[in-house]
Amino acid sequence: MRAAVWSFVVALSLAAGLAQSPIALGTKIDTIPAQTTAAAAEQFSTAGRVTAVIFIATQCPVSNAYNERMKALYSGYSPKGVQFIFLNANSTEPAAEVEQHRAAKGFPFPVYKDVNNVFADKVGAAVTPHAFVFDARGTLVYRGAIDNSRNPDQITQQTLGDALDAVLAGRPVPVAEAKAFGCSIKRAR
């Protein structure tokens, strides 16, 4: 009986595309795939610049609670040379909806689709928002939350900002993984 249950769980994991473990911290990635609302594929290079990838959603209240913080991170760190890539991996949120959300929220940055959640699966993005930082060599050095509270008045740790500050200064990231929280990414089947 136990073997049958285990076989069923493995089969479900394979069917859901979850059998592949996400990459480990310290893994190097050269490019990040994305798609524009015009359905054109793009590849962002991680070579030579610190890169922050943040998975966001249009309908998730937790992700939307971070809209102003994401704008502030972008405005504060882009001038320092950080490349931001905002990705929407939800199969339930089409590209046109993503673009309408971006415009309605006044994002000063584009939001791309992670079609079929390919990159989300590769890095282990599970929720929105979920952040990842790659150093200038393309090495994954941070995975986790933007900060530690949905309520801005209760933030005591700025883990994403701390990671960016450390990488920009050439120091080790103080907290390399922080539990991300939010709405689950609605994966393509």
Protein backbone atom coordinates (compact mmCIF):
# COMPACT_ATOMS: atom_id res chain seq x y z
CA MET A 1 0.00 0.00 0.00
CA ARG A 2 2.76 2.43 0.97
CA ALA A 3 4.61 1.76 -2.31
CA ALA A 4 1.41 2.44 -4.27
CA VAL A 5 0.91 5.78 -2.52
CA TRP A 6 4.54 6.73 -3.15
CA SER A 7 4.22 5.79 -6.84
CA PHE A 8 1.11 7.94 -7.10
CA VAL A 9 2.90 10.94 -5.53
CA VAL A 10 5.87 10.54 -7.88
CA ALA A 11 3.52 10.29 -10.88
CA LEU A 12 1.70 13.45 -9.82
CA SER A 13 4.99 15.28 -9.35
CA LEU A 14 6.19 14.23 -12.78
CA ALA A 15 2.89 15.26 -14.35
CA ALA A 16 3.07 18.65 -12.68
CA GLY A 17 6.66 19.19 -13.78
CA LEU A 18 7.87 19.25 -10.20
CA ALA A 19 10.26 16.31 -10.41
CA GLN A 20 13.16 18.59 -11.30
CA SER A 21 14.59 20.21 -8.21
CA PRO A 22 15.20 23.93 -8.40
CA ILE A 23 18.76 25.06 -8.92
CA ALA A 24 20.89 25.43 -5.83
CA LEU A 25 22.37 28.63 -4.50
CA GLY A 26 25.75 29.07 -6.15
CA THR A 27 24.50 27.83 -9.53
CA LYS A 28 25.41 29.98 -12.53
CA ILE A 29 22.81 30.99 -15.12
CA ASP A 30 23.80 32.85 -18.28
CA THR A 31 20.39 33.95 -19.55
CA ILE A 32 16.86 34.44 -18.30
CA PRO A 33 14.05 33.79 -20.80
CA ALA A 34 11.00 36.04 -20.95
CA GLN A 35 8.22 36.97 -23.32
CA THR A 36 6.85 40.41 -24.06
CA THR A 37 3.15 41.11 -24.37
CA ALA A 38 3.68 41.02 -28.14
CA ALA A 39 4.65 37.34 -27.69
CA ALA A 40 8.24 38.02 -28.73
CA ALA A 41 10.78 35.94 -26.87
CA GLU A 42 13.68 37.68 -25.14
CA GLN A 43 16.79 36.46 -23.37
CA PHE A 44 18.29 38.61 -20.63
CA SER A 45 21.99 38.10 -20.03
CA THR A 46 23.24 37.97 -16.45
CA ALA A 47 26.84 38.61 -17.53
CA GLY A 48 28.42 41.71 -16.07
CA ARG A 49 25.52 43.00 -14.00
CA VAL A 50 23.76 42.21 -10.80
CA THR A 51 20.30 40.90 -11.72
CA ALA A 52 17.18 40.78 -9.56
CA VAL A 53 14.31 38.61 -10.78
CA ILE A 54 10.98 39.09 -9.04
CA PHE A 55 7.94 36.94 -9.76
CA ILE A 56 4.73 38.94 -9.44
CA ALA A 57 1.02 38.52 -10.18
CA THR A 58 -1.91 40.64 -11.27
CA GLN A 59 -4.54 39.10 -9.00
CA CYS A 60 -2.61 38.13 -5.86
CA PRO A 61 -3.34 40.50 -2.96
CA VAL A 62 0.06 39.77 -1.41
CA SER A 63 1.89 40.59 -4.63
CA ASN A 64 -0.21 43.74 -5.02
CA ALA A 65 0.62 44.76 -1.44
CA TYR A 66 4.24 44.93 -2.65
CA ASN A 67 3.64 47.12 -5.71
CA GLU A 68 4.98 50.31 -4.10
CA ARG A 69 7.93 48.47 -2.55
CA MET A 70 8.82 46.96 -5.92
CA LYS A 71 8.71 50.42 -7.50
CA ALA A 72 10.98 51.73 -4.73
CA LEU A 73 13.45 48.86 -5.17
CA TYR A 74 13.54 49.45 -8.91
CA SER A 75 13.97 53.22 -8.53
CA GLY A 76 16.61 52.85 -5.83
CA TYR A 77 18.75 50.09 -7.30
CA SER A 78 18.46 50.53 -11.09
CA PRO A 79 20.67 53.66 -10.98
CA LYS A 80 23.25 51.55 -9.12
CA GLY A 81 23.40 49.16 -12.08
CA VAL A 82 21.00 46.43 -10.96
CA GLN A 83 19.08 44.84 -13.83
CA PHE A 84 15.50 44.04 -12.77
CA ILE A 85 13.40 41.42 -14.51
CA PHE A 86 9.80 41.22 -13.31
CA LEU A 87 8.16 37.96 -14.38
CA ASN A 88 4.60 36.71 -14.27
CA ALA A 89 4.51 32.91 -14.42
CA ASN A 90 0.79 32.45 -13.74
CA SER A 91 -0.87 30.48 -16.52
CA THR A 92 -4.18 32.09 -15.48
CA GLU A 93 -2.96 35.63 -16.20
CA PRO A 94 -2.51 36.25 -19.95
CA ALA A 95 0.03 38.73 -21.31
CA ALA A 96 -2.63 41.36 -22.08
CA GLU A 97 -3.81 41.26 -18.45
CA VAL A 98 -0.21 41.55 -17.25
CA GLU A 99 0.32 44.66 -19.40
CA GLN A 100 -2.97 46.23 -18.25
CA HIS A 101 -1.99 45.62 -14.62
CA ARG A 102 1.46 47.14 -15.21
CA ALA A 103 -0.04 50.27 -16.73
CA ALA A 104 -2.82 50.59 -14.13
CA LYS A 105 -0.34 50.29 -11.24
CA GLY A 106 2.08 52.76 -12.82
CA PHE A 107 5.05 50.41 -12.82
CA PRO A 108 8.12 52.19 -14.23
CA PHE A 109 9.39 48.82 -15.47
CA PRO A 110 8.16 46.17 -17.91
CA VAL A 111 6.63 42.94 -16.68
CA TYR A 112 7.33 39.86 -18.77
CA LYS A 113 5.64 36.48 -19.01
CA ASP A 114 7.44 33.33 -17.98
CA VAL A 115 5.58 31.15 -20.45
CA ASN A 116 4.86 27.66 -19.15
CA ASN A 117 6.63 28.70 -15.91
CA VAL A 118 9.94 27.46 -17.36
CA PHE A 119 12.16 29.83 -15.38
CA ALA A 120 9.97 29.63 -12.26
CA ASP A 121 10.46 25.85 -12.30
CA LYS A 122 14.20 26.21 -12.87
CA VAL A 123 14.78 28.51 -9.87
CA GLY A 124 12.02 27.14 -7.65
CA ALA A 125 9.73 30.17 -7.61
CA ALA A 126 6.64 29.09 -5.69
CA VAL A 127 4.71 32.22 -4.76
CA THR A 128 4.21 35.84 -5.69
CA PRO A 129 6.19 37.80 -4.85
CA HIS A 130 9.33 35.67 -4.90
CA ALA A 131 12.76 37.24 -5.48
CA PHE A 132 16.08 35.94 -6.80
CA VAL A 133 19.43 37.73 -7.06
CA PHE A 134 22.27 36.79 -9.41
CA ASP A 135 25.68 38.39 -9.04
CA ALA A 136 27.59 39.87 -11.99
CA ARG A 137 28.91 36.39 -12.88
CA GLY A 138 25.32 35.08 -13.12
CA THR A 139 25.55 33.10 -9.88
CA LEU A 140 22.40 32.69 -7.80
CA VAL A 141 23.22 34.31 -4.44
CA TYR A 142 19.77 35.01 -2.95
CA ARG A 143 16.36 33.35 -3.08
CA GLY A 144 13.33 34.40 -1.04
CA ALA A 145 11.10 37.17 0.19
CA ILE A 146 11.41 40.88 -0.53
CA ASP A 147 11.11 41.54 3.20
CA ASN A 148 9.51 39.87 6.20
CA SER A 149 6.04 41.44 6.37
CA ARG A 150 3.13 42.09 4.06
CA ASN A 151 2.33 45.05 6.34
CA PRO A 152 4.93 47.79 5.65
CA ASP A 153 4.66 49.02 9.26
CA GLN A 154 5.86 45.66 10.59
CA ILE A 155 8.97 45.14 8.44
CA THR A 156 12.05 44.26 10.46
CA GLN A 157 14.16 42.67 7.69
CA GLN A 158 14.77 43.92 4.16
CA THR A 159 16.30 40.68 2.89
CA LEU A 160 16.21 41.55 -0.83
CA GLY A 161 17.66 45.02 -0.28
CA ASP A 162 20.31 43.61 2.04
CA ALA A 163 21.25 41.02 -0.59
CA LEU A 164 21.51 43.69 -3.31
CA ASP A 165 23.59 45.96 -1.06
CA ALA A 166 25.98 43.11 -0.25
CA VAL A 167 26.43 42.00 -3.85
CA LEU A 168 26.98 45.57 -5.05
CA ALA A 169 29.62 46.05 -2.34
CA GLY A 170 31.33 42.75 -3.18
CA ARG A 171 30.42 41.19 0.16
CA PRO A 172 28.72 37.86 0.87
CA VAL A 173 24.93 38.02 1.10
CA PRO A 174 24.03 38.08 4.82
CA VAL A 175 20.86 35.96 4.42
CA ALA A 176 21.03 33.84 1.27
CA GLU A 177 17.55 32.31 1.65
CA ALA A 178 14.45 33.77 3.24
CA LYS A 179 11.07 32.05 3.15
CA ALA A 180 8.93 33.70 0.50
CA PHE A 181 5.22 34.10 1.18
CA GLY A 182 2.27 35.01 -1.00
CA CYS A 183 -0.09 33.40 -3.49
CA SER A 184 0.99 30.20 -5.21
CA ILE A 185 2.08 30.46 -8.82
CA LYS A 186 -0.64 28.96 -11.04
CA ARG A 187 1.50 26.68 -13.15
CA ALA A 188 0.83 25.50 -16.69
CA ARG A 189 -0.04 21.82 -16.83
